[in-house]
Amino acid sequence: MSEPALPPRLTSPKDHATALALCVTLGSFGVHRYYVGRMISGTLQLLSTLVCCAAGIGYGWAAYKEGNLILALFCILAMMVLIAIWPLMDFVLLNKNRFVDNQGRPLLVA
């Protein structure tokens, strides 16, 4: 005789507080998404951060070399805003306990 199947878990085994701390400290790099098993979106977040950094620094440096300090500062500021949007949305979702793991389960709140 086989054993009866266990019911699926209703919550993720991943800790909500750990995900929140990772989002606050390393959120732009998608570390909190890697933590909960969302590898593809974590990789996309990491790549978007790297692209925004490269573009912002590159355009900012080019504008600075041409003597346009205002444009250089704008490029750096735009880079910072673009990098902060995705982790800020994740931070709000984590605070409202709507952030889920890779299987769609809400995180464990202790």
PDB file of N, CA and C in Angstrom:
ATOM      1  N   MET A   1       0.832  -1.195   0.000  1.00  0.00           N
ATOM      2  CA  MET A   1       0.000   0.000   0.000  1.00  0.00           C
ATOM      3  C   MET A   1       0.873   1.252   0.000  1.00  0.00           C
ATOM      4  N   SER A   2       0.469   2.211  -0.783  1.00  0.00           N
ATOM      5  CA  SER A   2       1.225   3.459  -0.794  1.00  0.00           C
ATOM      6  C   SER A   2       0.651   4.429   0.232  1.00  0.00           C
ATOM      7  N   GLU A   3       1.533   5.325   0.661  1.00  0.00           N
ATOM      8  CA  GLU A   3       1.105   6.327   1.639  1.00  0.00           C
ATOM      9  C   GLU A   3       0.276   7.394   0.937  1.00  0.00           C
ATOM     10  N   PRO A   4      -0.681   7.980   1.653  1.00  0.00           N
ATOM     11  CA  PRO A   4      -1.474   9.047   1.033  1.00  0.00           C
ATOM     12  C   PRO A   4      -0.601  10.271   0.760  1.00  0.00           C
ATOM     13  N   ALA A   5      -0.941  10.966  -0.303  1.00  0.00           N
ATOM     14  CA  ALA A   5      -0.181  12.165  -0.671  1.00  0.00           C
ATOM     15  C   ALA A   5      -0.407  13.257   0.367  1.00  0.00           C
ATOM     16  N   LEU A   6       0.676  13.959   0.677  1.00  0.00           N
ATOM     17  CA  LEU A   6       0.573  15.068   1.615  1.00  0.00           C
ATOM     18  C   LEU A   6      -0.074  16.266   0.927  1.00  0.00           C
ATOM     19  N   PRO A   7      -0.847  17.044   1.653  1.00  0.00           N
ATOM     20  CA  PRO A   7      -1.434  18.236   1.036  1.00  0.00           C
ATOM     21  C   PRO A   7      -0.333  19.256   0.734  1.00  0.00           C
ATOM     22  N   PRO A   8      -0.515  20.045  -0.299  1.00  0.00           N
ATOM     23  CA  PRO A   8       0.505  21.041  -0.629  1.00  0.00           C
ATOM     24  C   PRO A   8       0.604  22.097   0.472  1.00  0.00           C
ATOM     25  N   ARG A   9       1.812  22.655   0.599  1.00  0.00           N
ATOM     26  CA  ARG A   9       2.010  23.714   1.594  1.00  0.00           C
ATOM     27  C   ARG A   9       1.238  24.958   1.183  1.00  0.00           C
ATOM     28  N   LEU A  10       0.647  25.599   2.162  1.00  0.00           N
ATOM     29  CA  LEU A  10      -0.110  26.817   1.882  1.00  0.00           C
ATOM     30  C   LEU A  10       0.777  28.048   1.892  1.00  0.00           C
ATOM     31  N   THR A  11       1.891  27.973   2.621  1.00  0.00           N
ATOM     32  CA  THR A  11       2.834  29.086   2.654  1.00  0.00           C
ATOM     33  C   THR A  11       4.212  28.591   2.256  1.00  0.00           C
ATOM     34  N   SER A  12       5.020  29.503   1.822  1.00  0.00           N
ATOM     35  CA  SER A  12       6.377  29.185   1.403  1.00  0.00           C
ATOM     36  C   SER A  12       7.243  28.935   2.637  1.00  0.00           C
ATOM     37  N   PRO A  13       8.239  28.078   2.540  1.00  0.00           N
ATOM     38  CA  PRO A  13       9.165  27.913   3.659  1.00  0.00           C
ATOM     39  C   PRO A  13      10.139  29.085   3.787  1.00  0.00           C
ATOM     40  N   LYS A  14      10.152  29.968   2.834  1.00  0.00           N
ATOM     41  CA  LYS A  14      11.051  31.131   2.874  1.00  0.00           C
ATOM     42  C   LYS A  14      10.499  32.187   3.826  1.00  0.00           C
ATOM     43  N   ASP A  15      11.398  32.813   4.566  1.00  0.00           N
ATOM     44  CA  ASP A  15      11.022  33.767   5.602  1.00  0.00           C
ATOM     45  C   ASP A  15      10.765  35.159   5.016  1.00  0.00           C
ATOM     46  N   HIS A  16       9.674  35.747   5.436  1.00  0.00           N
ATOM     47  CA  HIS A  16       9.275  37.083   4.982  1.00  0.00           C
ATOM     48  C   HIS A  16      10.297  38.138   5.401  1.00  0.00           C
ATOM     49  N   ALA A  17      10.768  38.074   6.649  1.00  0.00           N
ATOM     50  CA  ALA A  17      11.704  39.077   7.160  1.00  0.00           C
ATOM     51  C   ALA A  17      13.035  39.026   6.412  1.00  0.00           C
ATOM     52  N   THR A  18      13.483  37.838   6.078  1.00  0.00           N
ATOM     53  CA  THR A  18      14.733  37.709   5.327  1.00  0.00           C
ATOM     54  C   THR A  18      14.579  38.298   3.931  1.00  0.00           C
ATOM     55  N   ALA A  19      13.470  38.003   3.278  1.00  0.00           N
ATOM     56  CA  ALA A  19      13.222  38.558   1.947  1.00  0.00           C
ATOM     57  C   ALA A  19      13.133  40.075   2.000  1.00  0.00           C
ATOM     58  N   LEU A  20      12.511  40.607   3.029  1.00  0.00           N
ATOM     59  CA  LEU A  20      12.396  42.059   3.183  1.00  0.00           C
ATOM     60  C   LEU A  20      13.762  42.691   3.408  1.00  0.00           C
ATOM     61  N   ALA A  21      14.582  42.067   4.262  1.00  0.00           N
ATOM     62  CA  ALA A  21      15.927  42.593   4.511  1.00  0.00           C
ATOM     63  C   ALA A  21      16.781  42.555   3.248  1.00  0.00           C
ATOM     64  N   LEU A  22      16.667  41.480   2.478  1.00  0.00           N
ATOM     65  CA  LEU A  22      17.407  41.396   1.218  1.00  0.00           C
ATOM     66  C   LEU A  22      16.918  42.419   0.206  1.00  0.00           C
ATOM     67  N   CYS A  23      15.623  42.677   0.194  1.00  0.00           N
ATOM     68  CA  CYS A  23      15.064  43.674  -0.728  1.00  0.00           C
ATOM     69  C   CYS A  23      15.570  45.066  -0.389  1.00  0.00           C
ATOM     70  N   VAL A  24      15.648  45.370   0.904  1.00  0.00           N
ATOM     71  CA  VAL A  24      16.095  46.699   1.328  1.00  0.00           C
ATOM     72  C   VAL A  24      17.587  46.889   1.046  1.00  0.00           C
ATOM     73  N   THR A  25      18.394  45.858   1.304  1.00  0.00           N
ATOM     74  CA  THR A  25      19.841  46.027   1.174  1.00  0.00           C
ATOM     75  C   THR A  25      20.359  45.766  -0.239  1.00  0.00           C
ATOM     76  N   LEU A  26      19.880  44.713  -0.888  1.00  0.00           N
ATOM     77  CA  LEU A  26      20.404  44.322  -2.200  1.00  0.00           C
ATOM     78  C   LEU A  26      19.297  44.198  -3.247  1.00  0.00           C
ATOM     79  N   GLY A  27      18.228  44.946  -3.056  1.00  0.00           N
ATOM     80  CA  GLY A  27      17.061  44.823  -3.920  1.00  0.00           C
ATOM     81  C   GLY A  27      17.312  45.124  -5.377  1.00  0.00           C
ATOM     82  N   SER A  28      18.170  46.062  -5.672  1.00  0.00           N
ATOM     83  CA  SER A  28      18.429  46.411  -7.072  1.00  0.00           C
ATOM     84  C   SER A  28      19.077  45.276  -7.834  1.00  0.00           C
ATOM     85  N   PHE A  29      19.750  44.388  -7.123  1.00  0.00           N
ATOM     86  CA  PHE A  29      20.422  43.262  -7.762  1.00  0.00           C
ATOM     87  C   PHE A  29      19.544  42.014  -7.815  1.00  0.00           C
ATOM     88  N   GLY A  30      18.330  42.083  -7.281  1.00  0.00           N
ATOM     89  CA  GLY A  30      17.389  40.976  -7.360  1.00  0.00           C
ATOM     90  C   GLY A  30      17.680  39.831  -6.413  1.00  0.00           C
ATOM     91  N   VAL A  31      18.480  40.058  -5.382  1.00  0.00           N
ATOM     92  CA  VAL A  31      18.874  38.989  -4.468  1.00  0.00           C
ATOM     93  C   VAL A  31      17.658  38.406  -3.743  1.00  0.00           C
ATOM     94  N   HIS A  32      16.704  39.264  -3.388  1.00  0.00           N
ATOM     95  CA  HIS A  32      15.503  38.774  -2.700  1.00  0.00           C
ATOM     96  C   HIS A  32      14.686  37.856  -3.602  1.00  0.00           C
ATOM     97  N   ARG A  33      14.722  38.079  -4.904  1.00  0.00           N
ATOM     98  CA  ARG A  33      14.017  37.203  -5.844  1.00  0.00           C
ATOM     99  C   ARG A  33      14.734  35.862  -5.974  1.00  0.00           C
ATOM    100  N   TYR A  34      16.052  35.875  -5.973  1.00  0.00           N
ATOM    101  CA  TYR A  34      16.799  34.615  -5.956  1.00  0.00           C
ATOM    102  C   TYR A  34      16.480  33.834  -4.685  1.00  0.00           C
ATOM    103  N   TYR A  35      16.367  34.532  -3.571  1.00  0.00           N
ATOM    104  CA  TYR A  35      16.098  33.886  -2.289  1.00  0.00           C
ATOM    105  C   TYR A  35      14.778  33.097  -2.296  1.00  0.00           C
ATOM    106  N   VAL A  36      13.754  33.656  -2.919  1.00  0.00           N
ATOM    107  CA  VAL A  36      12.458  32.971  -2.938  1.00  0.00           C
ATOM    108  C   VAL A  36      12.306  32.030  -4.134  1.00  0.00           C
ATOM    109  N   GLY A  37      13.353  31.884  -4.934  1.00  0.00           N
ATOM    110  CA  GLY A  37      13.335  30.927  -6.032  1.00  0.00           C
ATOM    111  C   GLY A  37      12.895  31.483  -7.365  1.00  0.00           C
ATOM    112  N   ARG A  38      12.744  32.775  -7.476  1.00  0.00           N
ATOM    113  CA  ARG A  38      12.304  33.380  -8.742  1.00  0.00           C
ATOM    114  C   ARG A  38      13.549  33.790  -9.540  1.00  0.00           C
ATOM    115  N   MET A  39      14.195  32.776 -10.116  1.00  0.00           N
ATOM    116  CA  MET A  39      15.498  32.963 -10.756  1.00  0.00           C
ATOM    117  C   MET A  39      15.441  33.827 -12.019  1.00  0.00           C
ATOM    118  N   ILE A  40      14.429  33.636 -12.830  1.00  0.00           N
ATOM    119  CA  ILE A  40      14.365  34.385 -14.090  1.00  0.00           C
ATOM    120  C   ILE A  40      14.165  35.877 -13.825  1.00  0.00           C
ATOM    121  N   SER A  41      13.203  36.221 -12.968  1.00  0.00           N
ATOM    122  CA  SER A  41      12.977  37.646 -12.694  1.00  0.00           C
ATOM    123  C   SER A  41      14.137  38.235 -11.898  1.00  0.00           C
ATOM    124  N   GLY A  42      14.802  37.431 -11.065  1.00  0.00           N
ATOM    125  CA  GLY A  42      15.992  37.914 -10.360  1.00  0.00           C
ATOM    126  C   GLY A  42      17.113  38.240 -11.326  1.00  0.00           C
ATOM    127  N   THR A  43      17.288  37.373 -12.328  1.00  0.00           N
ATOM    128  CA  THR A  43      18.314  37.611 -13.346  1.00  0.00           C
ATOM    129  C   THR A  43      17.969  38.835 -14.185  1.00  0.00           C
ATOM    130  N   LEU A  44      16.701  38.980 -14.547  1.00  0.00           N
ATOM    131  CA  LEU A  44      16.283  40.168 -15.307  1.00  0.00           C
ATOM    132  C   LEU A  44      16.495  41.443 -14.506  1.00  0.00           C
ATOM    133  N   GLN A  45      16.229  41.383 -13.208  1.00  0.00           N
ATOM    134  CA  GLN A  45      16.434  42.558 -12.368  1.00  0.00           C
ATOM    135  C   GLN A  45      17.922  42.894 -12.273  1.00  0.00           C
ATOM    136  N   LEU A  46      18.754  41.886 -12.120  1.00  0.00           N
ATOM    137  CA  LEU A  46      20.198  42.106 -12.083  1.00  0.00           C
ATOM    138  C   LEU A  46      20.691  42.699 -13.398  1.00  0.00           C
ATOM    139  N   LEU A  47      20.257  42.134 -14.518  1.00  0.00           N
ATOM    140  CA  LEU A  47      20.686  42.649 -15.815  1.00  0.00           C
ATOM    141  C   LEU A  47      20.193  44.069 -16.069  1.00  0.00           C
ATOM    142  N   SER A  48      18.958  44.368 -15.676  1.00  0.00           N
ATOM    143  CA  SER A  48      18.451  45.735 -15.874  1.00  0.00           C
ATOM    144  C   SER A  48      19.232  46.732 -15.020  1.00  0.00           C
ATOM    145  N   THR A  49      19.632  46.329 -13.833  1.00  0.00           N
ATOM    146  CA  THR A  49      20.447  47.211 -12.990  1.00  0.00           C
ATOM    147  C   THR A  49      21.799  47.467 -13.635  1.00  0.00           C
ATOM    148  N   LEU A  50      22.429  46.416 -14.133  1.00  0.00           N
ATOM    149  CA  LEU A  50      23.742  46.581 -14.768  1.00  0.00           C
ATOM    150  C   LEU A  50      23.667  47.434 -16.024  1.00  0.00           C
ATOM    151  N   VAL A  51      22.618  47.239 -16.828  1.00  0.00           N
ATOM    152  CA  VAL A  51      22.454  48.037 -18.054  1.00  0.00           C
ATOM    153  C   VAL A  51      22.204  49.501 -17.706  1.00  0.00           C
ATOM    154  N   CYS A  52      21.339  49.748 -16.718  1.00  0.00           N
ATOM    155  CA  CYS A  52      21.063  51.138 -16.320  1.00  0.00           C
ATOM    156  C   CYS A  52      22.323  51.808 -15.775  1.00  0.00           C
ATOM    157  N   CYS A  53      23.099  51.078 -15.000  1.00  0.00           N
ATOM    158  CA  CYS A  53      24.346  51.641 -14.468  1.00  0.00           C
ATOM    159  C   CYS A  53      25.308  51.985 -15.591  1.00  0.00           C
ATOM    160  N   ALA A  54      25.489  51.042 -16.505  1.00  0.00           N
ATOM    161  CA  ALA A  54      26.417  51.277 -17.612  1.00  0.00           C
ATOM    162  C   ALA A  54      25.967  52.454 -18.475  1.00  0.00           C
ATOM    163  N   ALA A  55      24.676  52.495 -18.781  1.00  0.00           N
ATOM    164  CA  ALA A  55      24.166  53.587 -19.621  1.00  0.00           C
ATOM    165  C   ALA A  55      24.246  54.927 -18.893  1.00  0.00           C
ATOM    166  N   GLY A  56      23.833  54.948 -17.636  1.00  0.00           N
ATOM    167  CA  GLY A  56      23.864  56.203 -16.885  1.00  0.00           C
ATOM    168  C   GLY A  56      25.266  56.741 -16.702  1.00  0.00           C
ATOM    169  N   ILE A  57      26.191  55.852 -16.357  1.00  0.00           N
ATOM    170  CA  ILE A  57      27.573  56.293 -16.170  1.00  0.00           C
ATOM    171  C   ILE A  57      28.195  56.664 -17.509  1.00  0.00           C
ATOM    172  N   GLY A  58      27.919  55.875 -18.550  1.00  0.00           N
ATOM    173  CA  GLY A  58      28.484  56.167 -19.862  1.00  0.00           C
ATOM    174  C   GLY A  58      28.010  57.494 -20.431  1.00  0.00           C
ATOM    175  N   TYR A  59      26.691  57.682 -20.430  1.00  0.00           N
ATOM    176  CA  TYR A  59      26.157  58.954 -20.941  1.00  0.00           C
ATOM    177  C   TYR A  59      26.532  60.120 -20.035  1.00  0.00           C
ATOM    178  N   GLY A  60      26.532  59.885 -18.748  1.00  0.00           N
ATOM    179  CA  GLY A  60      26.919  60.940 -17.809  1.00  0.00           C
ATOM    180  C   GLY A  60      28.361  61.370 -18.009  1.00  0.00           C
ATOM    181  N   TRP A  61      29.240  60.385 -18.177  1.00  0.00           N
ATOM    182  CA  TRP A  61      30.649  60.698 -18.387  1.00  0.00           C
ATOM    183  C   TRP A  61      30.856  61.421 -19.720  1.00  0.00           C
ATOM    184  N   ALA A  62      30.145  60.984 -20.763  1.00  0.00           N
ATOM    185  CA  ALA A  62      30.269  61.657 -22.058  1.00  0.00           C
ATOM    186  C   ALA A  62      29.784  63.103 -21.965  1.00  0.00           C
ATOM    187  N   ALA A  63      28.679  63.315 -21.260  1.00  0.00           N
ATOM    188  CA  ALA A  63      28.162  64.679 -21.107  1.00  0.00           C
ATOM    189  C   ALA A  63      29.122  65.526 -20.274  1.00  0.00           C
ATOM    190  N   TYR A  64      29.708  64.940 -19.256  1.00  0.00           N
ATOM    191  CA  TYR A  64      30.667  65.664 -18.413  1.00  0.00           C
ATOM    192  C   TYR A  64      31.913  66.052 -19.212  1.00  0.00           C
ATOM    193  N   LYS A  65      32.380  65.142 -20.064  1.00  0.00           N
ATOM    194  CA  LYS A  65      33.569  65.426 -20.878  1.00  0.00           C
ATOM    195  C   LYS A  65      33.310  66.561 -21.864  1.00  0.00           C
ATOM    196  N   GLU A  66      32.034  66.702 -22.287  1.00  0.00           N
ATOM    197  CA  GLU A  66      31.686  67.792 -23.192  1.00  0.00           C
ATOM    198  C   GLU A  66      31.449  69.095 -22.439  1.00  0.00           C
ATOM    199  N   GLY A  67      31.510  69.055 -21.127  1.00  0.00           N
ATOM    200  CA  GLY A  67      31.326  70.253 -20.320  1.00  0.00           C
ATOM    201  C   GLY A  67      29.889  70.504 -19.912  1.00  0.00           C
ATOM    202  N   ASN A  68      29.000  69.573 -20.130  1.00  0.00           N
ATOM    203  CA  ASN A  68      27.592  69.741 -19.790  1.00  0.00           C
ATOM    204  C   ASN A  68      27.311  69.026 -18.462  1.00  0.00           C
ATOM    205  N   LEU A  69      27.554  69.720 -17.372  1.00  0.00           N
ATOM    206  CA  LEU A  69      27.413  69.132 -16.046  1.00  0.00           C
ATOM    207  C   LEU A  69      25.955  68.837 -15.717  1.00  0.00           C
ATOM    208  N   ILE A  70      25.033  69.677 -16.176  1.00  0.00           N
ATOM    209  CA  ILE A  70      23.612  69.463 -15.902  1.00  0.00           C
ATOM    210  C   ILE A  70      23.141  68.155 -16.534  1.00  0.00           C
ATOM    211  N   LEU A  71      23.497  67.923 -17.784  1.00  0.00           N
ATOM    212  CA  LEU A  71      23.116  66.685 -18.460  1.00  0.00           C
ATOM    213  C   LEU A  71      23.766  65.473 -17.790  1.00  0.00           C
ATOM    214  N   ALA A  72      25.001  65.631 -17.357  1.00  0.00           N
ATOM    215  CA  ALA A  72      25.696  64.534 -16.673  1.00  0.00           C
ATOM    216  C   ALA A  72      24.975  64.170 -15.378  1.00  0.00           C
ATOM    217  N   LEU A  73      24.588  65.164 -14.600  1.00  0.00           N
ATOM    218  CA  LEU A  73      23.862  64.909 -13.355  1.00  0.00           C
ATOM    219  C   LEU A  73      22.483  64.313 -13.635  1.00  0.00           C
ATOM    220  N   PHE A  74      21.841  64.768 -14.704  1.00  0.00           N
ATOM    221  CA  PHE A  74      20.541  64.205 -15.076  1.00  0.00           C
ATOM    222  C   PHE A  74      20.669  62.731 -15.446  1.00  0.00           C
ATOM    223  N   CYS A  75      21.708  62.370 -16.176  1.00  0.00           N
ATOM    224  CA  CYS A  75      21.916  60.969 -16.560  1.00  0.00           C
ATOM    225  C   CYS A  75      22.108  60.098 -15.325  1.00  0.00           C
ATOM    226  N   ILE A  76      22.890  60.575 -14.381  1.00  0.00           N
ATOM    227  CA  ILE A  76      23.124  59.807 -13.153  1.00  0.00           C
ATOM    228  C   ILE A  76      21.833  59.705 -12.348  1.00  0.00           C
ATOM    229  N   LEU A  77      21.084  60.781 -12.245  1.00  0.00           N
ATOM    230  CA  LEU A  77      19.825  60.773 -11.501  1.00  0.00           C
ATOM    231  C   LEU A  77      18.802  59.845 -12.165  1.00  0.00           C
ATOM    232  N   ALA A  78      18.704  59.893 -13.498  1.00  0.00           N
ATOM    233  CA  ALA A  78      17.782  59.008 -14.212  1.00  0.00           C
ATOM    234  C   ALA A  78      18.159  57.554 -13.992  1.00  0.00           C
ATOM    235  N   MET A  79      19.452  57.254 -13.964  1.00  0.00           N
ATOM    236  CA  MET A  79      19.910  55.895 -13.703  1.00  0.00           C
ATOM    237  C   MET A  79      19.454  55.441 -12.323  1.00  0.00           C
ATOM    238  N   MET A  80      19.612  56.293 -11.329  1.00  0.00           N
ATOM    239  CA  MET A  80      19.237  55.930  -9.964  1.00  0.00           C
ATOM    240  C   MET A  80      17.733  55.697  -9.843  1.00  0.00           C
ATOM    241  N   VAL A  81      16.937  56.512 -10.508  1.00  0.00           N
ATOM    242  CA  VAL A  81      15.475  56.354 -10.458  1.00  0.00           C
ATOM    243  C   VAL A  81      15.056  55.054 -11.148  1.00  0.00           C
ATOM    244  N   LEU A  82      15.620  54.784 -12.315  1.00  0.00           N
ATOM    245  CA  LEU A  82      15.266  53.558 -13.035  1.00  0.00           C
ATOM    246  C   LEU A  82      15.655  52.310 -12.250  1.00  0.00           C
ATOM    247  N   ILE A  83      16.784  52.357 -11.574  1.00  0.00           N
ATOM    248  CA  ILE A  83      17.233  51.203 -10.787  1.00  0.00           C
ATOM    249  C   ILE A  83      16.329  51.004  -9.573  1.00  0.00           C
ATOM    250  N   ALA A  84      15.767  52.062  -9.021  1.00  0.00           N
ATOM    251  CA  ALA A  84      14.999  51.969  -7.770  1.00  0.00           C
ATOM    252  C   ALA A  84      13.543  51.559  -7.972  1.00  0.00           C
ATOM    253  N   ILE A  85      13.009  51.622  -9.176  1.00  0.00           N
ATOM    254  CA  ILE A  85      11.574  51.368  -9.380  1.00  0.00           C
ATOM    255  C   ILE A  85      11.195  49.930  -9.047  1.00  0.00           C
ATOM    256  N   TRP A  86      11.896  48.953  -9.599  1.00  0.00           N
ATOM    257  CA  TRP A  86      11.529  47.548  -9.398  1.00  0.00           C
ATOM    258  C   TRP A  86      11.668  47.119  -7.936  1.00  0.00           C
ATOM    259  N   PRO A  87      12.798  47.397  -7.255  1.00  0.00           N
ATOM    260  CA  PRO A  87      12.876  47.008  -5.841  1.00  0.00           C
ATOM    261  C   PRO A  87      11.868  47.756  -4.967  1.00  0.00           C
ATOM    262  N   LEU A  88      11.516  48.967  -5.333  1.00  0.00           N
ATOM    263  CA  LEU A  88      10.512  49.699  -4.564  1.00  0.00           C
ATOM    264  C   LEU A  88       9.153  49.026  -4.684  1.00  0.00           C
ATOM    265  N   MET A  89       8.809  48.558  -5.879  1.00  0.00           N
ATOM    266  CA  MET A  89       7.548  47.833  -6.046  1.00  0.00           C
ATOM    267  C   MET A  89       7.572  46.527  -5.251  1.00  0.00           C
ATOM    268  N   ASP A  90       8.701  45.830  -5.260  1.00  0.00           N
ATOM    269  CA  ASP A  90       8.825  44.599  -4.475  1.00  0.00           C
ATOM    270  C   ASP A  90       8.731  44.881  -2.980  1.00  0.00           C
ATOM    271  N   PHE A  91       9.300  45.998  -2.539  1.00  0.00           N
ATOM    272  CA  PHE A  91       9.237  46.380  -1.135  1.00  0.00           C
ATOM    273  C   PHE A  91       7.787  46.602  -0.701  1.00  0.00           C
ATOM    274  N   VAL A  92       7.013  47.264  -1.536  1.00  0.00           N
ATOM    275  CA  VAL A  92       5.600  47.478  -1.221  1.00  0.00           C
ATOM    276  C   VAL A  92       4.858  46.142  -1.172  1.00  0.00           C
ATOM    277  N   LEU A  93       5.118  45.263  -2.147  1.00  0.00           N
ATOM    278  CA  LEU A  93       4.480  43.947  -2.144  1.00  0.00           C
ATOM    279  C   LEU A  93       4.861  43.139  -0.913  1.00  0.00           C
ATOM    280  N   LEU A  94       6.113  43.217  -0.502  1.00  0.00           N
ATOM    281  CA  LEU A  94       6.552  42.497   0.700  1.00  0.00           C
ATOM    282  C   LEU A  94       5.868  43.052   1.944  1.00  0.00           C
ATOM    283  N   ASN A  95       5.748  44.355   2.033  1.00  0.00           N
ATOM    284  CA  ASN A  95       5.100  44.954   3.203  1.00  0.00           C
ATOM    285  C   ASN A  95       3.617  44.624   3.269  1.00  0.00           C
ATOM    286  N   LYS A  96       2.979  44.448   2.129  1.00  0.00           N
ATOM    287  CA  LYS A  96       1.560  44.089   2.110  1.00  0.00           C
ATOM    288  C   LYS A  96       1.358  42.576   2.129  1.00  0.00           C
ATOM    289  N   ASN A  97       2.459  41.832   2.237  1.00  0.00           N
ATOM    290  CA  ASN A  97       2.452  40.374   2.256  1.00  0.00           C
ATOM    291  C   ASN A  97       1.819  39.797   0.982  1.00  0.00           C
ATOM    292  N   ARG A  98       2.110  40.399  -0.145  1.00  0.00           N
ATOM    293  CA  ARG A  98       1.595  39.942  -1.438  1.00  0.00           C
ATOM    294  C   ARG A  98       2.705  39.387  -2.325  1.00  0.00           C
ATOM    295  N   PHE A  99       3.915  39.355  -1.813  1.00  0.00           N
ATOM    296  CA  PHE A  99       5.057  38.825  -2.558  1.00  0.00           C
ATOM    297  C   PHE A  99       5.043  37.306  -2.418  1.00  0.00           C
ATOM    298  N   VAL A 100       5.178  36.593  -3.525  1.00  0.00           N
ATOM    299  CA  VAL A 100       5.072  35.134  -3.497  1.00  0.00           C
ATOM    300  C   VAL A 100       6.372  34.499  -3.987  1.00  0.00           C
ATOM    301  N   ASP A 101       6.535  33.214  -3.656  1.00  0.00           N
ATOM    302  CA  ASP A 101       7.713  32.491  -4.110  1.00  0.00           C
ATOM    303  C   ASP A 101       7.492  31.970  -5.530  1.00  0.00           C
ATOM    304  N   ASN A 102       8.402  31.119  -5.994  1.00  0.00           N
ATOM    305  CA  ASN A 102       8.323  30.644  -7.384  1.00  0.00           C
ATOM    306  C   ASN A 102       7.152  29.693  -7.623  1.00  0.00           C
ATOM    307  N   GLN A 103       6.491  29.235  -6.568  1.00  0.00           N
ATOM    308  CA  GLN A 103       5.321  28.363  -6.723  1.00  0.00           C
ATOM    309  C   GLN A 103       4.022  29.100  -6.407  1.00  0.00           C
ATOM    310  N   GLY A 104       4.096  30.416  -6.261  1.00  0.00           N
ATOM    311  CA  GLY A 104       2.897  31.213  -6.014  1.00  0.00           C
ATOM    312  C   GLY A 104       2.407  31.214  -4.576  1.00  0.00           C
ATOM    313  N   ARG A 105       3.228  30.754  -3.655  1.00  0.00           N
ATOM    314  CA  ARG A 105       2.841  30.705  -2.250  1.00  0.00           C
ATOM    315  C   ARG A 105       3.322  31.952  -1.521  1.00  0.00           C
ATOM    316  N   PRO A 106       2.509  32.521  -0.635  1.00  0.00           N
ATOM    317  CA  PRO A 106       2.968  33.677   0.138  1.00  0.00           C
ATOM    318  C   PRO A 106       4.082  33.274   1.101  1.00  0.00           C
ATOM    319  N   LEU A 107       4.930  34.232   1.420  1.00  0.00           N
ATOM    320  CA  LEU A 107       6.069  33.959   2.292  1.00  0.00           C
ATOM    321  C   LEU A 107       5.625  33.769   3.730  1.00  0.00           C
ATOM    322  N   LEU A 108       6.412  33.019   4.483  1.00  0.00           N
ATOM    323  CA  LEU A 108       6.123  32.713   5.870  1.00  0.00           C
ATOM    324  C   LEU A 108       6.381  33.935   6.739  1.00  0.00           C
ATOM    325  N   VAL A 109       5.347  34.414   7.413  1.00  0.00           N
ATOM    326  CA  VAL A 109       5.492  35.556   8.312  1.00  0.00           C
ATOM    327  C   VAL A 109       5.570  35.018   9.730  1.00  0.00           C
ATOM    328  N   ALA A 110       6.691  35.311  10.375  1.00  0.00           N
ATOM    329  CA  ALA A 110       6.887  34.790  11.750  1.00  0.00           C
ATOM    330  C   ALA A 110       6.344  35.749  12.785  1.00  0.00           C
TER     331      ALA A 110
END
